[in-house]
Amino acid sequence: MSAHCQLTGRKPGFGNTISHSHRRTSRRFDPNVQRKRYWLASEGRHVHLRLSAKGIKTVDQIGIEAAVARIRARGESV
């Protein structure tokens, strides 16, 4: 599975690791993606979402109904 957040759209960033001798090797900065289960009362079922830490905080602020509406507006299925 790709390391991206369904709500915020955060994806891995890319950069370089620089050693003590200043040699550069490429590396990947992955977002902190967690799999969370929420109860979606309007549909009477649970939904599983892959969210970053910021995405989880966003769901706490706006609520799961609004978050699912945003995800569906981006074209992803829930």
PDB file of N, CA and C in Angstrom:
ATOM      1  N   MET A   1       0.832  -1.188   0.000  1.00  0.00           N
ATOM      2  CA  MET A   1       0.000   0.000   0.000  1.00  0.00           C
ATOM      3  C   MET A   1       0.868   1.240   0.000  1.00  0.00           C
ATOM      4  N   SER A   2       0.398   2.256  -0.709  1.00  0.00           N
ATOM      5  CA  SER A   2       1.157   3.488  -0.748  1.00  0.00           C
ATOM      6  C   SER A   2       0.969   4.248   0.563  1.00  0.00           C
ATOM      7  N   ALA A   3       1.978   4.979   0.937  1.00  0.00           N
ATOM      8  CA  ALA A   3       1.936   5.730   2.193  1.00  0.00           C
ATOM      9  C   ALA A   3       1.353   7.106   1.917  1.00  0.00           C
ATOM     10  N   HIS A   4       0.016   7.185   1.737  1.00  0.00           N
ATOM     11  CA  HIS A   4      -0.615   8.485   1.558  1.00  0.00           C
ATOM     12  C   HIS A   4      -1.878   8.544   2.395  1.00  0.00           C
ATOM     13  N   CYS A   5      -2.221   9.758   2.792  1.00  0.00           N
ATOM     14  CA  CYS A   5      -3.378   9.997   3.652  1.00  0.00           C
ATOM     15  C   CYS A   5      -4.606  10.211   2.780  1.00  0.00           C
ATOM     16  N   GLN A   6      -5.699   9.525   3.112  1.00  0.00           N
ATOM     17  CA  GLN A   6      -6.910   9.659   2.327  1.00  0.00           C
ATOM     18  C   GLN A   6      -7.572  11.020   2.507  1.00  0.00           C
ATOM     19  N   LEU A   7      -7.382  11.661   3.640  1.00  0.00           N
ATOM     20  CA  LEU A   7      -8.053  12.929   3.923  1.00  0.00           C
ATOM     21  C   LEU A   7      -7.228  14.130   3.465  1.00  0.00           C
ATOM     22  N   THR A   8      -5.992  14.209   3.896  1.00  0.00           N
ATOM     23  CA  THR A   8      -5.168  15.379   3.590  1.00  0.00           C
ATOM     24  C   THR A   8      -4.381  15.226   2.298  1.00  0.00           C
ATOM     25  N   GLY A   9      -4.219  14.001   1.823  1.00  0.00           N
ATOM     26  CA  GLY A   9      -3.470  13.776   0.587  1.00  0.00           C
ATOM     27  C   GLY A   9      -1.968  13.805   0.768  1.00  0.00           C
ATOM     28  N   ARG A  10      -1.509  13.749   2.010  1.00  0.00           N
ATOM     29  CA  ARG A  10      -0.060  13.773   2.241  1.00  0.00           C
ATOM     30  C   ARG A  10       0.592  12.533   1.645  1.00  0.00           C
ATOM     31  N   LYS A  11       1.710  12.742   0.954  1.00  0.00           N
ATOM     32  CA  LYS A  11       2.443  11.661   0.298  1.00  0.00           C
ATOM     33  C   LYS A  11       3.900  11.713   0.743  1.00  0.00           C
ATOM     34  N   PRO A  12       4.677  10.677   0.432  1.00  0.00           N
ATOM     35  CA  PRO A  12       6.088  10.709   0.810  1.00  0.00           C
ATOM     36  C   PRO A  12       6.827  11.859   0.142  1.00  0.00           C
ATOM     37  N   GLY A  13       7.781  12.405   0.878  1.00  0.00           N
ATOM     38  CA  GLY A  13       8.687  13.403   0.327  1.00  0.00           C
ATOM     39  C   GLY A  13      10.022  12.737   0.069  1.00  0.00           C
ATOM     40  N   PHE A  14      10.810  13.296  -0.812  1.00  0.00           N
ATOM     41  CA  PHE A  14      12.083  12.695  -1.161  1.00  0.00           C
ATOM     42  C   PHE A  14      13.202  13.683  -0.917  1.00  0.00           C
ATOM     43  N   GLY A  15      14.361  13.153  -0.544  1.00  0.00           N
ATOM     44  CA  GLY A  15      15.506  13.996  -0.263  1.00  0.00           C
ATOM     45  C   GLY A  15      16.759  13.156  -0.211  1.00  0.00           C
ATOM     46  N   ASN A  16      17.758  13.682   0.455  1.00  0.00           N
ATOM     47  CA  ASN A  16      19.039  13.004   0.544  1.00  0.00           C
ATOM     48  C   ASN A  16      19.452  12.822   1.993  1.00  0.00           C
ATOM     49  N   THR A  17      20.086  11.687   2.274  1.00  0.00           N
ATOM     50  CA  THR A  17      20.785  11.476   3.532  1.00  0.00           C
ATOM     51  C   THR A  17      22.216  11.906   3.301  1.00  0.00           C
ATOM     52  N   ILE A  18      22.743  12.742   4.187  1.00  0.00           N
ATOM     53  CA  ILE A  18      24.107  13.228   4.016  1.00  0.00           C
ATOM     54  C   ILE A  18      24.959  12.661   5.132  1.00  0.00           C
ATOM     55  N   SER A  19      25.944  11.874   4.773  1.00  0.00           N
ATOM     56  CA  SER A  19      26.794  11.222   5.765  1.00  0.00           C
ATOM     57  C   SER A  19      27.822  12.206   6.325  1.00  0.00           C
ATOM     58  N   HIS A  20      28.589  11.723   7.272  1.00  0.00           N
ATOM     59  CA  HIS A  20      29.628  12.561   7.881  1.00  0.00           C
ATOM     60  C   HIS A  20      30.647  13.022   6.845  1.00  0.00           C
ATOM     61  N   SER A  21      30.951  12.145   5.876  1.00  0.00           N
ATOM     62  CA  SER A  21      31.906  12.506   4.816  1.00  0.00           C
ATOM     63  C   SER A  21      31.241  13.310   3.701  1.00  0.00           C
ATOM     64  N   HIS A  22      29.976  13.635   3.885  1.00  0.00           N
ATOM     65  CA  HIS A  22      29.173  14.470   2.990  1.00  0.00           C
ATOM     66  C   HIS A  22      28.787  13.771   1.679  1.00  0.00           C
ATOM     67  N   ARG A  23      28.753  12.453   1.699  1.00  0.00           N
ATOM     68  CA  ARG A  23      28.221  11.704   0.551  1.00  0.00           C
ATOM     69  C   ARG A  23      26.700  11.722   0.644  1.00  0.00           C
ATOM     70  N   ARG A  24      26.057  11.837  -0.486  1.00  0.00           N
ATOM     71  CA  ARG A  24      24.593  11.906  -0.516  1.00  0.00           C
ATOM     72  C   ARG A  24      24.010  10.614  -1.084  1.00  0.00           C
ATOM     73  N   THR A  25      23.023  10.087  -0.367  1.00  0.00           N
ATOM     74  CA  THR A  25      22.257   8.952  -0.873  1.00  0.00           C
ATOM     75  C   THR A  25      20.787   9.321  -0.751  1.00  0.00           C
ATOM     76  N   SER A  26      19.984   8.889  -1.717  1.00  0.00           N
ATOM     77  CA  SER A  26      18.587   9.298  -1.710  1.00  0.00           C
ATOM     78  C   SER A  26      17.812   8.569  -0.621  1.00  0.00           C
ATOM     79  N   ARG A  27      16.806   9.213  -0.102  1.00  0.00           N
ATOM     80  CA  ARG A  27      15.968   8.640   0.931  1.00  0.00           C
ATOM     81  C   ARG A  27      14.542   9.123   0.746  1.00  0.00           C
ATOM     82  N   ARG A  28      13.641   8.582   1.536  1.00  0.00           N
ATOM     83  CA  ARG A  28      12.221   8.873   1.416  1.00  0.00           C
ATOM     84  C   ARG A  28      11.682   9.239   2.797  1.00  0.00           C
ATOM     85  N   PHE A  29      10.943  10.343   2.890  1.00  0.00           N
ATOM     86  CA  PHE A  29      10.327  10.782   4.133  1.00  0.00           C
ATOM     87  C   PHE A  29       8.859  10.380   4.078  1.00  0.00           C
ATOM     88  N   ASP A  30       8.490   9.311   4.768  1.00  0.00           N
ATOM     89  CA  ASP A  30       7.111   8.830   4.749  1.00  0.00           C
ATOM     90  C   ASP A  30       6.274   9.562   5.792  1.00  0.00           C
ATOM     91  N   PRO A  31       5.014   9.887   5.453  1.00  0.00           N
ATOM     92  CA  PRO A  31       4.125  10.468   6.467  1.00  0.00           C
ATOM     93  C   PRO A  31       3.723   9.407   7.478  1.00  0.00           C
ATOM     94  N   ASN A  32       3.313   9.850   8.657  1.00  0.00           N
ATOM     95  CA  ASN A  32       2.919   8.946   9.729  1.00  0.00           C
ATOM     96  C   ASN A  32       1.484   8.479   9.473  1.00  0.00           C
ATOM     97  N   VAL A  33       1.333   7.425   8.648  1.00  0.00           N
ATOM     98  CA  VAL A  33       0.016   6.954   8.229  1.00  0.00           C
ATOM     99  C   VAL A  33      -0.424   5.801   9.129  1.00  0.00           C
ATOM    100  N   GLN A  34      -1.645   5.927   9.660  1.00  0.00           N
ATOM    101  CA  GLN A  34      -2.231   4.906  10.534  1.00  0.00           C
ATOM    102  C   GLN A  34      -3.538   4.427   9.917  1.00  0.00           C
ATOM    103  N   ARG A  35      -3.937   3.208  10.234  1.00  0.00           N
ATOM    104  CA  ARG A  35      -5.231   2.691   9.783  1.00  0.00           C
ATOM    105  C   ARG A  35      -6.197   2.816  10.950  1.00  0.00           C
ATOM    106  N   LYS A  36      -7.259   3.618  10.769  1.00  0.00           N
ATOM    107  CA  LYS A  36      -8.219   3.883  11.848  1.00  0.00           C
ATOM    108  C   LYS A  36      -9.601   3.440  11.414  1.00  0.00           C
ATOM    109  N   ARG A  37     -10.392   3.003  12.377  1.00  0.00           N
ATOM    110  CA  ARG A  37     -11.769   2.591  12.134  1.00  0.00           C
ATOM    111  C   ARG A  37     -12.690   3.570  12.829  1.00  0.00           C
ATOM    112  N   TYR A  38     -13.663   4.088  12.092  1.00  0.00           N
ATOM    113  CA  TYR A  38     -14.636   5.039  12.627  1.00  0.00           C
ATOM    114  C   TYR A  38     -16.042   4.514  12.384  1.00  0.00           C
ATOM    115  N   TRP A  39     -16.963   4.874  13.269  1.00  0.00           N
ATOM    116  CA  TRP A  39     -18.376   4.527  13.101  1.00  0.00           C
ATOM    117  C   TRP A  39     -19.038   5.649  12.313  1.00  0.00           C
ATOM    118  N   LEU A  40     -19.595   5.296  11.164  1.00  0.00           N
ATOM    119  CA  LEU A  40     -20.288   6.246  10.309  1.00  0.00           C
ATOM    120  C   LEU A  40     -21.783   6.085  10.552  1.00  0.00           C
ATOM    121  N   ALA A  41     -22.339   6.955  11.394  1.00  0.00           N
ATOM    122  CA  ALA A  41     -23.720   6.799  11.862  1.00  0.00           C
ATOM    123  C   ALA A  41     -24.739   6.946  10.739  1.00  0.00           C
ATOM    124  N   SER A  42     -24.453   7.798   9.761  1.00  0.00           N
ATOM    125  CA  SER A  42     -25.426   8.027   8.691  1.00  0.00           C
ATOM    126  C   SER A  42     -25.645   6.787   7.835  1.00  0.00           C
ATOM    127  N   GLU A  43     -24.611   5.931   7.734  1.00  0.00           N
ATOM    128  CA  GLU A  43     -24.736   4.708   6.941  1.00  0.00           C
ATOM    129  C   GLU A  43     -24.878   3.462   7.805  1.00  0.00           C
ATOM    130  N   GLY A  44     -24.748   3.627   9.119  1.00  0.00           N
ATOM    131  CA  GLY A  44     -24.897   2.503  10.036  1.00  0.00           C
ATOM    132  C   GLY A  44     -23.814   1.456   9.901  1.00  0.00           C
ATOM    133  N   ARG A  45     -22.577   1.890   9.651  1.00  0.00           N
ATOM    134  CA  ARG A  45     -21.475   0.940   9.474  1.00  0.00           C
ATOM    135  C   ARG A  45     -20.157   1.587   9.881  1.00  0.00           C
ATOM    136  N   HIS A  46     -19.147   0.730  10.037  1.00  0.00           N
ATOM    137  CA  HIS A  46     -17.802   1.212  10.306  1.00  0.00           C
ATOM    138  C   HIS A  46     -17.091   1.456   8.977  1.00  0.00           C
ATOM    139  N   VAL A  47     -16.179   2.422   8.980  1.00  0.00           N
ATOM    140  CA  VAL A  47     -15.324   2.652   7.821  1.00  0.00           C
ATOM    141  C   VAL A  47     -13.877   2.601   8.291  1.00  0.00           C
ATOM    142  N   HIS A  48     -13.018   2.024   7.468  1.00  0.00           N
ATOM    143  CA  HIS A  48     -11.585   1.968   7.728  1.00  0.00           C
ATOM    144  C   HIS A  48     -10.920   3.022   6.861  1.00  0.00           C
ATOM    145  N   LEU A  49     -10.128   3.891   7.487  1.00  0.00           N
ATOM    146  CA  LEU A  49      -9.446   4.949   6.762  1.00  0.00           C
ATOM    147  C   LEU A  49      -7.960   4.878   7.031  1.00  0.00           C
ATOM    148  N   ARG A  50      -7.162   5.215   6.014  1.00  0.00           N
ATOM    149  CA  ARG A  50      -5.718   5.346   6.178  1.00  0.00           C
ATOM    150  C   ARG A  50      -5.416   6.831   6.300  1.00  0.00           C
ATOM    151  N   LEU A  51      -5.105   7.263   7.538  1.00  0.00           N
ATOM    152  CA  LEU A  51      -4.950   8.684   7.830  1.00  0.00           C
ATOM    153  C   LEU A  51      -3.582   8.983   8.413  1.00  0.00           C
ATOM    154  N   SER A  52      -3.061  10.154   8.078  1.00  0.00           N
ATOM    155  CA  SER A  52      -1.852  10.634   8.725  1.00  0.00           C
ATOM    156  C   SER A  52      -2.217  11.151  10.109  1.00  0.00           C
ATOM    157  N   ALA A  53      -1.217  11.463  10.914  1.00  0.00           N
ATOM    158  CA  ALA A  53      -1.475  11.990  12.255  1.00  0.00           C
ATOM    159  C   ALA A  53      -2.257  13.296  12.168  1.00  0.00           C
ATOM    160  N   LYS A  54      -1.938  14.137  11.194  1.00  0.00           N
ATOM    161  CA  LYS A  54      -2.691  15.381  11.004  1.00  0.00           C
ATOM    162  C   LYS A  54      -4.110  15.088  10.539  1.00  0.00           C
ATOM    163  N   GLY A  55      -4.289  14.050   9.731  1.00  0.00           N
ATOM    164  CA  GLY A  55      -5.627  13.666   9.280  1.00  0.00           C
ATOM    165  C   GLY A  55      -6.508  13.208  10.425  1.00  0.00           C
ATOM    166  N   ILE A  56      -5.934  12.493  11.390  1.00  0.00           N
ATOM    167  CA  ILE A  56      -6.689  12.047  12.566  1.00  0.00           C
ATOM    168  C   ILE A  56      -7.143  13.251  13.384  1.00  0.00           C
ATOM    169  N   LYS A  57      -6.254  14.243  13.540  1.00  0.00           N
ATOM    170  CA  LYS A  57      -6.621  15.459  14.271  1.00  0.00           C
ATOM    171  C   LYS A  57      -7.713  16.233  13.534  1.00  0.00           C
ATOM    172  N   THR A  58      -7.659  16.222  12.213  1.00  0.00           N
ATOM    173  CA  THR A  58      -8.677  16.908  11.416  1.00  0.00           C
ATOM    174  C   THR A  58     -10.034  16.255  11.601  1.00  0.00           C
ATOM    175  N   VAL A  59     -10.068  14.908  11.631  1.00  0.00           N
ATOM    176  CA  VAL A  59     -11.326  14.194  11.864  1.00  0.00           C
ATOM    177  C   VAL A  59     -11.871  14.549  13.244  1.00  0.00           C
ATOM    178  N   ASP A  60     -10.997  14.677  14.238  1.00  0.00           N
ATOM    179  CA  ASP A  60     -11.435  15.053  15.579  1.00  0.00           C
ATOM    180  C   ASP A  60     -12.067  16.448  15.586  1.00  0.00           C
ATOM    181  N   GLN A  61     -11.568  17.352  14.740  1.00  0.00           N
ATOM    182  CA  GLN A  61     -12.082  18.721  14.712  1.00  0.00           C
ATOM    183  C   GLN A  61     -13.388  18.829  13.935  1.00  0.00           C
ATOM    184  N   ILE A  62     -13.437  18.269  12.720  1.00  0.00           N
ATOM    185  CA  ILE A  62     -14.593  18.497  11.851  1.00  0.00           C
ATOM    186  C   ILE A  62     -15.631  17.395  11.925  1.00  0.00           C
ATOM    187  N   GLY A  63     -15.267  16.240  12.483  1.00  0.00           N
ATOM    188  CA  GLY A  63     -16.201  15.126  12.583  1.00  0.00           C
ATOM    189  C   GLY A  63     -16.039  14.155  11.424  1.00  0.00           C
ATOM    190  N   ILE A  64     -16.455  12.913  11.633  1.00  0.00           N
ATOM    191  CA  ILE A  64     -16.257  11.865  10.642  1.00  0.00           C
ATOM    192  C   ILE A  64     -17.150  12.070   9.421  1.00  0.00           C
ATOM    193  N   GLU A  65     -18.361  12.605   9.615  1.00  0.00           N
ATOM    194  CA  GLU A  65     -19.276  12.803   8.482  1.00  0.00           C
ATOM    195  C   GLU A  65     -18.688  13.790   7.474  1.00  0.00           C
ATOM    196  N   ALA A  66     -18.173  14.919   7.973  1.00  0.00           N
ATOM    197  CA  ALA A  66     -17.578  15.927   7.096  1.00  0.00           C
ATOM    198  C   ALA A  66     -16.291  15.414   6.463  1.00  0.00           C
ATOM    199  N   ALA A  67     -15.521  14.609   7.224  1.00  0.00           N
ATOM    200  CA  ALA A  67     -14.275  14.064   6.698  1.00  0.00           C
ATOM    201  C   ALA A  67     -14.553  13.096   5.554  1.00  0.00           C
ATOM    202  N   VAL A  68     -15.556  12.227   5.722  1.00  0.00           N
ATOM    203  CA  VAL A  68     -15.912  11.280   4.660  1.00  0.00           C
ATOM    204  C   VAL A  68     -16.422  12.032   3.436  1.00  0.00           C
ATOM    205  N   ALA A  69     -17.153  13.131   3.654  1.00  0.00           N
ATOM    206  CA  ALA A  69     -17.623  13.938   2.528  1.00  0.00           C
ATOM    207  C   ALA A  69     -16.457  14.528   1.753  1.00  0.00           C
ATOM    208  N   ARG A  70     -15.411  14.987   2.466  1.00  0.00           N
ATOM    209  CA  ARG A  70     -14.219  15.522   1.795  1.00  0.00           C
ATOM    210  C   ARG A  70     -13.481  14.436   1.016  1.00  0.00           C
ATOM    211  N   ILE A  71     -13.379  13.244   1.604  1.00  0.00           N
ATOM    212  CA  ILE A  71     -12.688  12.150   0.931  1.00  0.00           C
ATOM    213  C   ILE A  71     -13.423  11.769  -0.352  1.00  0.00           C
ATOM    214  N   ARG A  72     -14.747  11.694  -0.263  1.00  0.00           N
ATOM    215  CA  ARG A  72     -15.548  11.351  -1.441  1.00  0.00           C
ATOM    216  C   ARG A  72     -15.483  12.458  -2.489  1.00  0.00           C
ATOM    217  N   ALA A  73     -15.349  13.718  -2.059  1.00  0.00           N
ATOM    218  CA  ALA A  73     -15.230  14.826  -3.010  1.00  0.00           C
ATOM    219  C   ALA A  73     -13.924  14.735  -3.788  1.00  0.00           C
ATOM    220  N   ARG A  74     -12.886  14.162  -3.178  1.00  0.00           N
ATOM    221  CA  ARG A  74     -11.608  13.977  -3.868  1.00  0.00           C
ATOM    222  C   ARG A  74     -11.643  12.798  -4.837  1.00  0.00           C
ATOM    223  N   GLY A  75     -12.723  12.010  -4.781  1.00  0.00           N
ATOM    224  CA  GLY A  75     -12.867  10.898  -5.724  1.00  0.00           C
ATOM    225  C   GLY A  75     -12.449   9.556  -5.186  1.00  0.00           C
ATOM    226  N   GLU A  76     -12.150   9.467  -3.890  1.00  0.00           N
ATOM    227  CA  GLU A  76     -11.770   8.185  -3.301  1.00  0.00           C
ATOM    228  C   GLU A  76     -12.990   7.504  -2.730  1.00  0.00           C
ATOM    229  N   SER A  77     -12.988   6.182  -2.777  1.00  0.00           N
ATOM    230  CA  SER A  77     -14.102   5.436  -2.210  1.00  0.00           C
ATOM    231  C   SER A  77     -13.849   5.149  -0.738  1.00  0.00           C
ATOM    232  N   VAL A  78     -14.926   5.076   0.032  1.00  0.00           N
ATOM    233  CA  VAL A  78     -14.833   4.825   1.470  1.00  0.00           C
ATOM    234  C   VAL A  78     -15.611   3.572   1.783  1.00  0.00           C
TER     235      VAL A  78
END
